[in-house]
Amino acid sequence: MNKEPERMEQNSGSTLISLKIMILLFCVTPITQMLFSLQTAMGVMTLTIMRTFIFFGVVLVVGLFCFIINFPFKHKRLRAVIELFVMMAMGALCYIATGVASSGYKFVFVLIVTIYTMELGKKVGFILSSIAGAVLLACDYIDTFGTNRSDYFQADLMLIVTFFLVSYIVGWYVKRDNQLIKTLQDSANHDALTGLFNHRYFHQYMHSLFQSAPPADQSQFLFVADIDFFKVYNDTFGHPKGDIVLKEIASISSEIFNGGLVSRYGGEEFAFVASAKDAAEACDLANRLRERVYEYPFEGEELMPGHRLTISIGVAERKSTGDTVADWIARADNALYKAKSFRKNRVELYTSVYDRFDHLDQVNDDERIISIKTLLSVIDARDRYTRNHTEHVVEFCETFARFAKLSDEESQKLISSAYLHDIGKINISKETLITEKRLTDKQWEEIRKHPADGADIVRKMKDSDEIADIVLQHHEKFDGTGYPNHVAGKDLHKLARILTLADSFDAMTTKRNYQRARTYEEAFEEIRRCAGTQFDPELSEIFIRAINETYR
């Protein structure tokens, strides 16, 4: 977050406060001199008592003024009115204490008018000029009593004109500077192409949002949207046409998210922040945008995949406690990644299988759940890919279980196995896990040990022998050519055969450094090609239908 404008504003405010206090002390000086002269003339109070009185009086006035300046008034206008009243009153007292019409301190009003015109603008300067002018003219009028003329009228008239000239000139420069500052801020905070807030302002806004707790009556949601196949569109029609698309989607987004933050996050990505009563309402809002973009007649969209230009949107809710800007953005990005993985033109609400372990609990065995969480946190710390892969595999297994109407017991065992199927990777070296190159034969040898190592770890958990068997078999193949034990056909546990499908499907549809991500259709084609060799033929078709109907 860029704090330079805020720092400059604080410095400017501090300078003005210092000037106000200096003017106040300047006004107090002649007043104290008058009090000393009164003391000398009256001869009633001792000099020591008078000095003490003056000292505490000055401290009281200055302290009161500083309190008024810094007190957090609910209404800033009220503070300004009180502050102006105190300052003008002190100026008037200074004027009276130094001879009224013959006073040499009339220029104090010029200082007051200048300072508050700089701070509050030309209109306030004219008001103060009028008040100061009225005070001077009134005193000149009183001065004419008995003589029918004032020796100071013409000079005061010129001084009053000076008040208004100062107000006008200073006010004009202040207004011009404010307009220039606003122009520069707009330029710094807005995207030149779309007119939306830019990436810089987005982060500035997000950090300011976290300065206070989220509202109690509504939830805050972050939406990250990405135009599907936008590179294809740019390559086909050129960047000028792509710029038109960006501006049109920006316009649609501003209509949908009116009242929230609408920003261009970067490239073909947009980010929005809006409040909603719950996740369902937030997803409805995102789907309105998705549908509007889908229905919009973009030029050349008939040549795009699916003959439409579409967007995918990830949605993440701000947590009520313990959340950070980075974590909130990461969750929205993960949801967007999932939306784009699941065939695009889709809205995905962030959910993490790591955040919901209740469906694993067969017999309220909290000790077992804690063991799973501990093991997963260890593997996650060593290999981020395995965490994301596990989340996807768990979701695919949940999808299959619902579609195939597995019993509650089978569903719980399948999902528990999905969580733990790669836990054996805890024994694999970090270099092998995070390598960006194709695995060597030695590294493959190391990788092939993880099903057996994982099964050994799971067996140490309470009542988990069957889950250990499923974990052990998740890299076996239907024709017996898998590893580690070359088990084949129906001898393989049914849930292991399902887990193998989910595990392989995510591996095929996820981009790695050494392989591109396949489309769902390409992955389905590969599953059908390998049905009977790697995969159970019957379960393969059920799996394809489950994914198709859930994520189409």
Protein backbone atom coordinates (compact mmCIF):
# COMPACT_ATOMS: atom_id res chain seq x y z
CA MET A 1 0.00 0.00 0.00
CA ASN A 2 1.37 3.43 -0.97
CA LYS A 3 1.34 5.67 2.13
CA GLU A 4 3.02 8.69 0.53
CA PRO A 5 -0.20 10.76 0.01
CA GLU A 6 -1.29 10.01 3.58
CA ARG A 7 2.13 11.01 4.92
CA MET A 8 2.09 14.28 2.94
CA GLU A 9 -1.40 15.08 4.22
CA GLN A 10 -0.29 14.47 7.81
CA ASN A 11 2.76 16.75 7.34
CA SER A 12 0.57 19.49 5.85
CA GLY A 13 -1.89 19.20 8.75
CA SER A 14 0.94 19.40 11.29
CA THR A 15 2.28 22.56 9.63
CA LEU A 16 -1.12 24.26 9.75
CA ILE A 17 -1.56 23.35 13.41
CA SER A 18 1.83 24.85 14.20
CA LEU A 19 0.90 28.07 12.38
CA LYS A 20 -2.42 28.31 14.23
CA ILE A 21 -0.69 27.95 17.59
CA MET A 22 1.86 30.61 16.61
CA ILE A 23 -0.96 33.02 15.66
CA LEU A 24 -2.70 32.23 18.94
CA LEU A 25 0.46 33.00 20.93
CA PHE A 26 0.92 36.15 18.86
CA CYS A 27 -2.59 37.26 19.91
CA VAL A 28 -1.96 36.38 23.56
CA THR A 29 1.19 38.56 23.77
CA PRO A 30 -0.47 42.01 23.56
CA ILE A 31 -3.32 40.82 25.80
CA THR A 32 -0.80 39.91 28.52
CA GLN A 33 0.92 43.26 28.04
CA MET A 34 -2.40 45.00 28.62
CA LEU A 35 -2.97 42.99 31.79
CA PHE A 36 0.48 43.97 33.06
CA SER A 37 -0.27 47.63 32.42
CA LEU A 38 -3.57 47.28 34.26
CA GLN A 39 -1.78 45.73 37.20
CA THR A 40 0.71 48.58 37.32
CA ALA A 41 -2.00 51.21 37.13
CA MET A 42 -4.34 49.58 39.66
CA GLY A 43 -1.58 48.53 42.12
CA VAL A 44 -3.89 45.92 43.62
CA MET A 45 -2.32 42.58 42.79
CA THR A 46 1.30 41.77 43.29
CA LEU A 47 3.50 41.23 40.25
CA THR A 48 4.10 37.57 41.15
CA ILE A 49 0.38 36.79 41.39
CA MET A 50 -0.29 38.61 38.12
CA ARG A 51 2.48 36.70 36.28
CA THR A 52 1.17 33.40 37.64
CA PHE A 53 -2.33 34.28 36.51
CA ILE A 54 -1.10 35.25 33.06
CA PHE A 55 1.05 32.12 32.71
CA PHE A 56 -1.78 29.73 33.59
CA GLY A 57 -4.18 31.74 31.43
CA VAL A 58 -1.92 31.39 28.39
CA VAL A 59 -1.42 27.68 29.05
CA LEU A 60 -5.18 27.22 29.43
CA VAL A 61 -6.03 29.03 26.18
CA VAL A 62 -3.35 27.25 24.14
CA GLY A 63 -4.24 23.88 25.70
CA LEU A 64 -7.94 24.42 25.02
CA PHE A 65 -7.21 25.30 21.41
CA CYS A 66 -4.99 22.22 20.93
CA PHE A 67 -7.73 20.08 22.47
CA ILE A 68 -10.28 21.51 20.02
CA ILE A 69 -7.94 20.84 17.06
CA ASN A 70 -7.23 17.23 18.02
CA PHE A 71 -10.53 16.20 19.63
CA PRO A 72 -12.26 13.54 17.46
CA PHE A 73 -15.54 15.37 16.96
CA LYS A 74 -18.27 13.25 15.43
CA HIS A 75 -18.99 16.08 13.00
CA LYS A 76 -15.92 17.79 11.54
CA ARG A 77 -17.97 20.88 10.73
CA LEU A 78 -18.71 21.42 14.42
CA ARG A 79 -15.00 21.32 15.26
CA ALA A 80 -14.27 23.81 12.46
CA VAL A 81 -16.95 26.21 13.74
CA ILE A 82 -15.66 26.07 17.34
CA GLU A 83 -12.06 26.47 16.19
CA LEU A 84 -12.91 29.48 13.99
CA PHE A 85 -14.90 31.08 16.83
CA VAL A 86 -11.99 30.73 19.28
CA MET A 87 -9.45 32.08 16.80
CA MET A 88 -11.57 35.07 15.71
CA ALA A 89 -12.40 35.85 19.36
CA MET A 90 -8.69 35.88 20.25
CA GLY A 91 -8.00 38.10 17.23
CA ALA A 92 -10.72 40.50 18.31
CA LEU A 93 -9.42 40.58 21.92
CA CYS A 94 -5.92 41.30 20.61
CA TYR A 95 -7.35 44.12 18.49
CA ILE A 96 -9.23 45.62 21.44
CA ALA A 97 -6.30 45.21 23.85
CA THR A 98 -4.00 47.20 21.57
CA GLY A 99 -6.06 50.31 21.08
CA VAL A 100 -9.08 49.25 18.97
CA ALA A 101 -9.17 51.55 15.93
CA SER A 102 -5.57 52.65 16.49
CA SER A 103 -4.34 49.07 16.99
CA GLY A 104 -1.21 47.98 15.18
CA TYR A 105 -2.29 44.33 15.34
CA LYS A 106 -5.03 44.48 12.68
CA PHE A 107 -2.87 42.36 10.41
CA VAL A 108 -3.61 39.38 12.73
CA PHE A 109 -6.90 39.07 10.85
CA VAL A 110 -4.95 38.73 7.59
CA LEU A 111 -3.03 35.81 9.08
CA ILE A 112 -6.23 34.14 10.31
CA VAL A 113 -7.96 34.62 6.95
CA THR A 114 -4.92 33.24 5.08
CA ILE A 115 -4.51 30.12 7.26
CA TYR A 116 -8.17 29.10 7.17
CA THR A 117 -8.56 29.86 3.47
CA MET A 118 -5.65 27.48 2.85
CA GLU A 119 -7.29 24.82 5.00
CA LEU A 120 -11.02 25.23 4.31
CA GLY A 121 -11.21 27.06 1.00
CA LYS A 122 -12.25 30.34 -0.55
CA LYS A 123 -15.82 30.34 0.79
CA VAL A 124 -14.67 30.19 4.42
CA GLY A 125 -12.06 32.88 3.64
CA PHE A 126 -14.79 35.24 2.39
CA ILE A 127 -16.87 34.59 5.54
CA LEU A 128 -13.91 35.35 7.82
CA SER A 129 -13.07 38.44 5.75
CA SER A 130 -16.63 39.68 6.20
CA ILE A 131 -16.52 39.12 9.96
CA ALA A 132 -13.12 40.80 10.35
CA GLY A 133 -14.24 43.69 8.12
CA ALA A 134 -17.43 44.12 10.16
CA VAL A 135 -15.36 44.29 13.39
CA LEU A 136 -13.05 46.96 11.92
CA LEU A 137 -15.91 49.08 10.51
CA ALA A 138 -17.85 48.84 13.76
CA CYS A 139 -14.85 50.04 15.74
CA ASP A 140 -14.30 52.86 13.23
CA TYR A 141 -17.93 53.87 13.64
CA ILE A 142 -17.56 53.92 17.44
CA ASP A 143 -14.39 55.98 17.01
CA THR A 144 -16.42 58.74 15.26
CA PHE A 145 -18.45 59.45 18.40
CA GLY A 146 -17.74 63.04 19.48
CA THR A 147 -15.63 63.84 16.41
CA ASN A 148 -17.87 62.75 13.51
CA ARG A 149 -14.79 61.39 11.73
CA SER A 150 -12.40 58.45 11.98
CA ASP A 151 -8.71 58.78 11.27
CA TYR A 152 -8.47 55.09 10.43
CA PHE A 153 -11.47 54.55 8.16
CA GLN A 154 -9.66 54.75 4.82
CA ALA A 155 -6.78 52.54 5.96
CA ASP A 156 -9.19 49.98 7.41
CA LEU A 157 -11.20 50.01 4.19
CA MET A 158 -8.05 49.14 2.26
CA LEU A 159 -7.26 46.44 4.81
CA ILE A 160 -10.75 44.95 4.34
CA VAL A 161 -10.20 44.88 0.59
CA THR A 162 -6.90 43.11 1.31
CA PHE A 163 -8.82 40.47 3.34
CA PHE A 164 -11.01 39.66 0.36
CA LEU A 165 -8.12 39.75 -2.12
CA VAL A 166 -6.12 37.34 0.04
CA SER A 167 -9.18 35.07 0.35
CA TYR A 168 -9.72 35.08 -3.40
CA ILE A 169 -6.08 34.57 -4.45
CA VAL A 170 -5.21 31.96 -1.82
CA GLY A 171 -8.56 30.22 -2.35
CA TRP A 172 -8.00 30.10 -6.11
CA TYR A 173 -4.55 28.52 -5.71
CA VAL A 174 -5.84 26.05 -3.14
CA LYS A 175 -8.70 25.03 -5.43
CA ARG A 176 -6.32 24.63 -8.35
CA ASP A 177 -3.90 22.57 -6.28
CA ASN A 178 -6.72 20.35 -4.99
CA GLN A 179 -7.94 19.77 -8.54
CA LEU A 180 -4.40 18.92 -9.64
CA ILE A 181 -3.97 16.53 -6.70
CA LYS A 182 -7.28 14.86 -7.53
CA THR A 183 -6.24 14.51 -11.18
CA LEU A 184 -2.93 12.95 -10.17
CA GLN A 185 -4.64 10.62 -7.68
CA ASP A 186 -7.17 9.56 -10.30
CA SER A 187 -4.35 8.91 -12.73
CA ALA A 188 -2.44 6.89 -10.12
CA ASN A 189 -5.48 4.93 -8.94
CA HIS A 190 -7.36 4.24 -12.18
CA ASP A 191 -6.65 2.01 -15.13
CA ALA A 192 -6.15 4.17 -18.22
CA LEU A 193 -7.94 1.75 -20.57
CA THR A 194 -11.08 0.77 -18.65
CA GLY A 195 -11.41 3.65 -16.18
CA LEU A 196 -11.72 1.14 -13.32
CA PHE A 197 -9.56 1.23 -10.21
CA ASN A 198 -6.18 -0.36 -10.90
CA HIS A 199 -4.11 -3.04 -9.19
CA ARG A 200 -2.36 -0.48 -6.96
CA TYR A 201 -5.59 1.00 -5.63
CA PHE A 202 -7.10 -2.48 -5.21
CA HIS A 203 -4.39 -3.41 -2.70
CA GLN A 204 -4.62 -0.01 -1.04
CA TYR A 205 -8.38 -0.48 -0.64
CA MET A 206 -7.98 -4.04 0.67
CA HIS A 207 -5.50 -2.96 3.34
CA SER A 208 -7.75 -0.07 4.41
CA LEU A 209 -10.65 -2.54 4.61
CA PHE A 210 -8.74 -4.59 7.15
CA GLN A 211 -8.25 -1.58 9.41
CA SER A 212 -11.69 -2.38 10.86
CA ALA A 213 -13.67 -5.52 11.61
CA PRO A 214 -16.15 -6.78 8.98
CA PRO A 215 -19.77 -5.63 9.47
CA ALA A 216 -21.86 -7.83 11.72
CA ASP A 217 -25.01 -7.79 9.57
CA GLN A 218 -23.40 -8.68 6.23
CA SER A 219 -20.46 -10.65 4.90
CA GLN A 220 -17.78 -9.25 2.60
CA PHE A 221 -16.84 -11.16 -0.54
CA LEU A 222 -13.94 -10.91 -2.97
CA PHE A 223 -14.60 -11.80 -6.61
CA VAL A 224 -11.74 -12.47 -9.04
CA ALA A 225 -12.82 -12.81 -12.69
CA ASP A 226 -10.78 -13.90 -15.69
CA ILE A 227 -11.77 -13.77 -19.37
CA ASP A 228 -11.66 -17.29 -20.82
CA PHE A 229 -9.41 -17.84 -23.86
CA PHE A 230 -8.63 -14.12 -24.03
CA LYS A 231 -5.17 -14.80 -25.47
CA VAL A 232 -6.83 -16.69 -28.32
CA TYR A 233 -9.10 -13.69 -28.95
CA ASN A 234 -6.16 -11.26 -28.91
CA ASP A 235 -4.11 -13.46 -31.22
CA THR A 236 -7.06 -13.82 -33.62
CA PHE A 237 -8.41 -10.26 -33.77
CA GLY A 238 -5.53 -8.15 -32.45
CA HIS A 239 -5.02 -6.17 -29.25
CA PRO A 240 -7.19 -3.16 -30.26
CA LYS A 241 -10.23 -5.48 -30.46
CA GLY A 242 -9.17 -7.07 -27.19
CA ASP A 243 -9.07 -3.63 -25.59
CA ILE A 244 -12.67 -3.06 -26.69
CA VAL A 245 -13.67 -6.32 -24.99
CA LEU A 246 -11.94 -5.24 -21.77
CA LYS A 247 -13.78 -1.90 -21.78
CA GLU A 248 -17.15 -3.55 -22.45
CA ILE A 249 -16.69 -6.09 -19.64
CA ALA A 250 -15.54 -3.26 -17.35
CA SER A 251 -18.76 -1.39 -18.12
CA ILE A 252 -20.91 -4.47 -17.40
CA SER A 253 -19.01 -5.12 -14.16
CA SER A 254 -19.55 -1.55 -12.97
CA GLU A 255 -23.31 -2.00 -13.42
CA ILE A 256 -23.44 -5.33 -11.59
CA PHE A 257 -21.16 -4.34 -8.70
CA ASN A 258 -22.39 -0.79 -8.34
CA GLY A 259 -21.67 0.29 -4.77
CA GLY A 260 -18.67 -2.01 -4.31
CA LEU A 261 -15.06 -1.89 -5.45
CA VAL A 262 -14.62 -2.62 -9.16
CA SER A 263 -11.02 -2.89 -10.35
CA ARG A 264 -8.88 -4.22 -13.15
CA TYR A 265 -6.59 -6.61 -11.35
CA GLY A 266 -4.24 -7.08 -14.29
CA GLY A 267 -4.31 -8.22 -17.92
CA GLU A 268 -7.66 -9.90 -18.48
CA GLU A 269 -8.41 -10.24 -14.76
CA PHE A 270 -10.86 -8.13 -12.76
CA ALA A 271 -11.38 -7.97 -8.99
CA PHE A 272 -14.50 -6.85 -7.13
CA VAL A 273 -15.32 -6.42 -3.45
CA ALA A 274 -18.97 -6.38 -2.40
CA SER A 275 -21.16 -7.16 0.61
CA ALA A 276 -23.86 -9.82 0.65
CA LYS A 277 -25.99 -11.45 3.30
CA ASP A 278 -24.58 -14.92 2.52
CA ALA A 279 -22.56 -16.96 0.04
CA ALA A 280 -25.62 -17.80 -2.05
CA GLU A 281 -26.35 -14.11 -2.67
CA ALA A 282 -22.69 -13.49 -3.53
CA CYS A 283 -22.70 -16.34 -6.05
CA ASP A 284 -25.95 -14.99 -7.56
CA LEU A 285 -24.21 -11.65 -8.04
CA ALA A 286 -21.25 -13.34 -9.74
CA ASN A 287 -23.55 -15.41 -11.94
CA ARG A 288 -25.36 -12.25 -13.06
CA LEU A 289 -22.05 -10.94 -14.35
CA ARG A 290 -21.16 -14.28 -15.96
CA GLU A 291 -24.52 -14.47 -17.73
CA ARG A 292 -24.37 -10.85 -18.90
CA VAL A 293 -20.95 -11.45 -20.44
CA TYR A 294 -22.11 -14.75 -21.97
CA GLU A 295 -25.09 -13.05 -23.61
CA TYR A 296 -23.21 -9.93 -24.80
CA PRO A 297 -22.65 -9.85 -28.59
CA PHE A 298 -18.85 -9.45 -28.71
CA GLU A 299 -17.39 -9.07 -32.16
CA GLY A 300 -15.94 -12.32 -33.51
CA GLU A 301 -17.11 -14.49 -30.60
CA GLU A 302 -18.42 -17.08 -33.06
CA LEU A 303 -14.79 -18.04 -33.74
CA MET A 304 -14.02 -18.63 -30.06
CA PRO A 305 -14.18 -22.05 -28.34
CA GLY A 306 -17.86 -22.69 -27.68
CA HIS A 307 -18.69 -19.80 -30.03
CA ARG A 308 -18.92 -17.42 -27.06
CA LEU A 309 -16.66 -15.11 -25.13
CA THR A 310 -17.04 -16.03 -21.46
CA ILE A 311 -15.55 -15.36 -18.03
CA SER A 312 -14.81 -17.52 -15.00
CA ILE A 313 -15.20 -16.11 -11.49
CA GLY A 314 -13.77 -17.18 -8.15
CA VAL A 315 -15.59 -16.05 -4.99
CA ALA A 316 -14.17 -16.01 -1.45
CA GLU A 317 -15.72 -14.78 1.79
CA ARG A 318 -13.76 -12.71 4.27
CA LYS A 319 -13.32 -14.54 7.56
CA SER A 320 -14.65 -12.79 10.64
CA THR A 321 -11.40 -13.34 12.57
CA GLY A 322 -7.81 -14.22 11.81
CA ASP A 323 -7.96 -13.29 8.12
CA THR A 324 -5.39 -11.34 6.10
CA VAL A 325 -5.43 -9.59 2.74
CA ALA A 326 -3.00 -12.12 1.26
CA ASP A 327 -5.02 -15.11 2.49
CA TRP A 328 -8.31 -13.65 1.21
CA ILE A 329 -6.84 -13.03 -2.25
CA ALA A 330 -5.27 -16.51 -2.28
CA ARG A 331 -8.65 -18.12 -1.54
CA ALA A 332 -10.35 -16.17 -4.34
CA ASP A 333 -7.51 -17.13 -6.72
CA ASN A 334 -7.91 -20.78 -5.78
CA ALA A 335 -11.63 -20.59 -6.48
CA LEU A 336 -10.92 -18.95 -9.85
CA TYR A 337 -8.40 -21.68 -10.68
CA LYS A 338 -11.04 -24.28 -9.91
CA ALA A 339 -13.62 -22.47 -12.05
CA LYS A 340 -11.25 -22.35 -15.00
CA SER A 341 -10.25 -25.98 -14.48
CA PHE A 342 -13.88 -27.07 -14.49
CA ARG A 343 -14.54 -26.08 -18.12
CA LYS A 344 -14.58 -22.31 -17.59
CA ASN A 345 -17.66 -20.02 -17.93
CA ARG A 346 -18.30 -20.86 -14.31
CA VAL A 347 -18.62 -19.36 -10.82
CA GLU A 348 -16.86 -21.17 -8.00
CA LEU A 349 -17.17 -20.37 -4.29
CA TYR A 350 -14.02 -21.11 -2.35
CA THR A 351 -14.27 -24.15 -0.15
CA SER A 352 -11.40 -26.15 1.24
CA VAL A 353 -11.74 -29.81 2.10
CA TYR A 354 -9.13 -29.09 4.76
CA ASP A 355 -11.63 -26.84 6.52
CA ARG A 356 -14.38 -29.44 6.87
CA PHE A 357 -13.48 -32.73 8.52
CA ASP A 358 -16.90 -33.44 10.01
CA HIS A 359 -17.87 -35.82 7.19
CA LEU A 360 -14.83 -38.00 8.04
CA ASP A 361 -16.04 -38.67 11.54
CA GLN A 362 -17.69 -42.10 11.55
CA VAL A 363 -17.83 -42.59 15.32
CA ASN A 364 -17.10 -39.11 16.70
CA ASP A 365 -13.44 -40.11 16.82
CA ASP A 366 -11.80 -36.72 17.39
CA GLU A 367 -8.40 -38.37 17.92
CA ARG A 368 -8.52 -39.86 14.41
CA ILE A 369 -9.45 -36.53 12.82
CA ILE A 370 -6.63 -34.75 14.67
CA SER A 371 -4.20 -37.37 13.36
CA ILE A 372 -5.37 -36.75 9.78
CA LYS A 373 -5.05 -32.98 10.16
CA THR A 374 -1.55 -33.31 11.60
CA LEU A 375 -0.35 -35.56 8.79
CA LEU A 376 -1.84 -33.33 6.09
CA SER A 377 -0.32 -30.18 7.58
CA VAL A 378 3.12 -31.80 7.45
CA ILE A 379 2.86 -32.81 3.80
CA ASP A 380 1.36 -29.41 2.91
CA ALA A 381 4.36 -27.63 4.43
CA ARG A 382 6.69 -29.61 2.14
CA ASP A 383 4.69 -29.69 -1.11
CA ARG A 384 1.95 -27.19 -2.07
CA TYR A 385 1.03 -29.19 -5.17
CA THR A 386 0.08 -32.22 -3.05
CA ARG A 387 -2.32 -30.11 -0.98
CA ASN A 388 -4.11 -28.76 -4.07
CA HIS A 389 -4.10 -32.22 -5.64
CA THR A 390 -5.60 -33.74 -2.48
CA GLU A 391 -8.35 -31.11 -2.41
CA HIS A 392 -9.30 -31.90 -6.01
CA VAL A 393 -9.23 -35.67 -5.46
CA VAL A 394 -11.44 -35.35 -2.37
CA GLU A 395 -13.93 -33.24 -4.35
CA PHE A 396 -14.03 -35.74 -7.23
CA CYS A 397 -14.57 -38.58 -4.76
CA GLU A 398 -17.37 -36.65 -3.05
CA THR A 399 -18.93 -36.01 -6.46
CA PHE A 400 -18.74 -39.72 -7.36
CA ALA A 401 -20.16 -40.78 -3.98
CA ARG A 402 -23.18 -38.49 -4.35
CA PHE A 403 -23.80 -39.42 -7.98
CA ALA A 404 -23.43 -43.18 -7.47
CA LYS A 405 -25.41 -43.00 -4.19
CA LEU A 406 -22.79 -44.83 -2.16
CA SER A 407 -23.76 -45.70 1.40
CA ASP A 408 -22.69 -43.36 4.18
CA GLU A 409 -20.09 -45.86 5.34
CA GLU A 410 -18.60 -46.28 1.85
CA SER A 411 -18.62 -42.51 1.27
CA GLN A 412 -16.79 -41.85 4.52
CA LYS A 413 -14.15 -44.48 3.78
CA LEU A 414 -13.66 -43.23 0.21
CA ILE A 415 -13.28 -39.60 1.33
CA SER A 416 -10.94 -40.54 4.20
CA SER A 417 -8.82 -42.48 1.73
CA ALA A 418 -8.80 -39.51 -0.65
CA TYR A 419 -7.47 -37.27 2.12
CA LEU A 420 -4.72 -39.73 2.98
CA HIS A 421 -3.85 -41.33 -0.37
CA ASP A 422 -0.58 -39.37 -0.80
CA ILE A 423 0.42 -39.24 2.85
CA GLY A 424 3.31 -41.60 2.06
CA LYS A 425 4.99 -38.74 0.22
CA ILE A 426 6.13 -37.55 3.63
CA ASN A 427 9.09 -39.94 3.14
CA ILE A 428 10.00 -38.59 -0.31
CA SER A 429 12.78 -36.04 -0.55
CA LYS A 430 11.72 -32.44 -1.06
CA GLU A 431 13.92 -32.19 -4.16
CA THR A 432 11.92 -34.96 -5.82
CA LEU A 433 8.57 -33.49 -4.78
CA ILE A 434 9.19 -30.00 -6.13
CA THR A 435 11.35 -30.78 -9.16
CA GLU A 436 10.41 -28.88 -12.32
CA LYS A 437 11.92 -31.53 -14.61
CA ARG A 438 10.77 -34.97 -15.65
CA LEU A 439 11.47 -37.53 -12.95
CA THR A 440 14.55 -39.71 -13.29
CA ASP A 441 14.40 -43.48 -12.87
CA LYS A 442 15.79 -43.11 -9.35
CA GLN A 443 13.16 -40.54 -8.48
CA TRP A 444 10.42 -42.76 -9.90
CA GLU A 445 11.70 -45.56 -7.69
CA GLU A 446 11.34 -43.22 -4.71
CA ILE A 447 7.84 -42.16 -5.79
CA ARG A 448 6.62 -45.74 -6.21
CA LYS A 449 7.20 -46.38 -2.51
CA HIS A 450 4.65 -43.84 -1.30
CA PRO A 451 1.51 -46.08 -1.47
CA ALA A 452 3.10 -48.68 0.83
CA ASP A 453 4.61 -46.03 3.09
CA GLY A 454 1.23 -44.26 3.28
CA ALA A 455 -0.57 -47.51 4.13
CA ASP A 456 1.92 -48.18 6.95
CA ILE A 457 1.27 -44.72 8.40
CA VAL A 458 -2.53 -45.06 8.16
CA ARG A 459 -2.55 -48.49 9.83
CA LYS A 460 -1.19 -46.87 12.99
CA MET A 461 -4.41 -44.86 13.24
CA LYS A 462 -7.37 -46.27 15.12
CA ASP A 463 -9.75 -48.54 13.10
CA SER A 464 -8.13 -47.65 9.76
CA ASP A 465 -7.02 -51.01 8.28
CA GLU A 466 -9.51 -50.89 5.40
CA ILE A 467 -8.58 -47.28 4.58
CA ALA A 468 -4.92 -48.36 4.63
CA ASP A 469 -5.71 -51.07 2.05
CA ILE A 470 -7.37 -48.51 -0.21
CA VAL A 471 -4.39 -46.16 0.10
CA LEU A 472 -2.05 -49.07 -0.66
CA GLN A 473 -3.91 -49.91 -3.89
CA HIS A 474 -4.56 -46.48 -5.38
CA HIS A 475 -1.73 -46.91 -7.94
CA GLU A 476 -2.65 -50.46 -8.89
CA LYS A 477 -4.10 -51.03 -12.37
CA PHE A 478 -7.12 -53.06 -13.37
CA ASP A 479 -4.96 -55.38 -15.53
CA GLY A 480 -2.46 -56.00 -12.70
CA THR A 481 0.44 -53.95 -14.11
CA GLY A 482 0.32 -51.29 -11.40
CA TYR A 483 2.30 -51.02 -8.19
CA PRO A 484 3.25 -51.98 -5.52
CA ASN A 485 1.70 -55.49 -5.47
CA HIS A 486 0.27 -55.98 -9.01
CA VAL A 487 -3.26 -56.70 -7.75
CA ALA A 488 -5.80 -56.93 -10.62
CA GLY A 489 -9.52 -56.81 -11.44
CA LYS A 490 -12.11 -57.39 -8.76
CA ASP A 491 -9.38 -58.31 -6.29
CA LEU A 492 -8.79 -54.59 -6.05
CA HIS A 493 -10.89 -52.87 -3.44
CA LYS A 494 -13.84 -51.14 -5.12
CA LEU A 495 -13.10 -47.83 -3.37
CA ALA A 496 -9.45 -48.08 -4.47
CA ARG A 497 -10.62 -48.39 -8.09
CA ILE A 498 -12.71 -45.22 -7.65
CA LEU A 499 -9.82 -43.41 -5.95
CA THR A 500 -7.54 -44.35 -8.86
CA LEU A 501 -9.95 -42.68 -11.29
CA ALA A 502 -10.15 -39.48 -9.25
CA ASP A 503 -6.38 -39.38 -8.70
CA SER A 504 -5.56 -39.93 -12.39
CA PHE A 505 -8.23 -37.50 -13.61
CA ASP A 506 -6.79 -34.65 -11.53
CA ALA A 507 -3.24 -35.50 -12.61
CA MET A 508 -4.33 -35.32 -16.26
CA THR A 509 -6.23 -32.02 -15.93
CA THR A 510 -3.61 -30.18 -13.85
CA LYS A 511 -0.74 -28.27 -15.46
CA ARG A 512 2.73 -29.34 -14.38
CA ASN A 513 6.06 -27.92 -15.42
CA TYR A 514 6.75 -30.96 -17.57
CA GLN A 515 3.23 -31.46 -19.02
CA ARG A 516 0.28 -29.38 -20.16
CA ALA A 517 -3.15 -29.68 -18.55
CA ARG A 518 -5.60 -31.73 -20.61
CA THR A 519 -9.17 -30.59 -21.11
CA TYR A 520 -11.94 -32.56 -19.43
CA GLU A 521 -12.91 -34.05 -22.78
CA GLU A 522 -9.32 -35.16 -23.43
CA ALA A 523 -9.15 -36.68 -19.95
CA PHE A 524 -12.45 -38.51 -20.49
CA GLU A 525 -11.11 -39.85 -23.79
CA GLU A 526 -7.97 -41.09 -22.03
CA ILE A 527 -10.02 -42.79 -19.28
CA ARG A 528 -12.11 -44.59 -21.90
CA ARG A 529 -8.98 -45.60 -23.80
CA CYS A 530 -7.46 -47.07 -20.63
CA ALA A 531 -10.70 -48.70 -19.38
CA GLY A 532 -9.99 -52.39 -18.85
CA THR A 533 -6.23 -51.86 -18.53
CA GLN A 534 -5.65 -49.09 -15.98
CA PHE A 535 -9.24 -48.40 -14.92
CA ASP A 536 -12.33 -50.42 -14.04
CA PRO A 537 -14.51 -50.17 -17.23
CA GLU A 538 -17.82 -50.01 -15.38
CA LEU A 539 -16.70 -47.46 -12.78
CA SER A 540 -15.00 -45.39 -15.50
CA GLU A 541 -18.30 -44.60 -17.21
CA ILE A 542 -19.99 -43.78 -13.90
CA PHE A 543 -17.12 -41.46 -13.02
CA ILE A 544 -17.30 -39.67 -16.39
CA ARG A 545 -21.06 -39.19 -16.06
CA ALA A 546 -20.66 -37.90 -12.46
CA ILE A 547 -18.08 -35.30 -13.47
CA ASN A 548 -19.98 -34.36 -16.62
CA GLU A 549 -23.27 -33.74 -14.85
CA THR A 550 -21.71 -31.94 -11.88
CA TYR A 551 -19.29 -29.64 -13.70
CA ARG A 552 -20.85 -29.18 -17.11
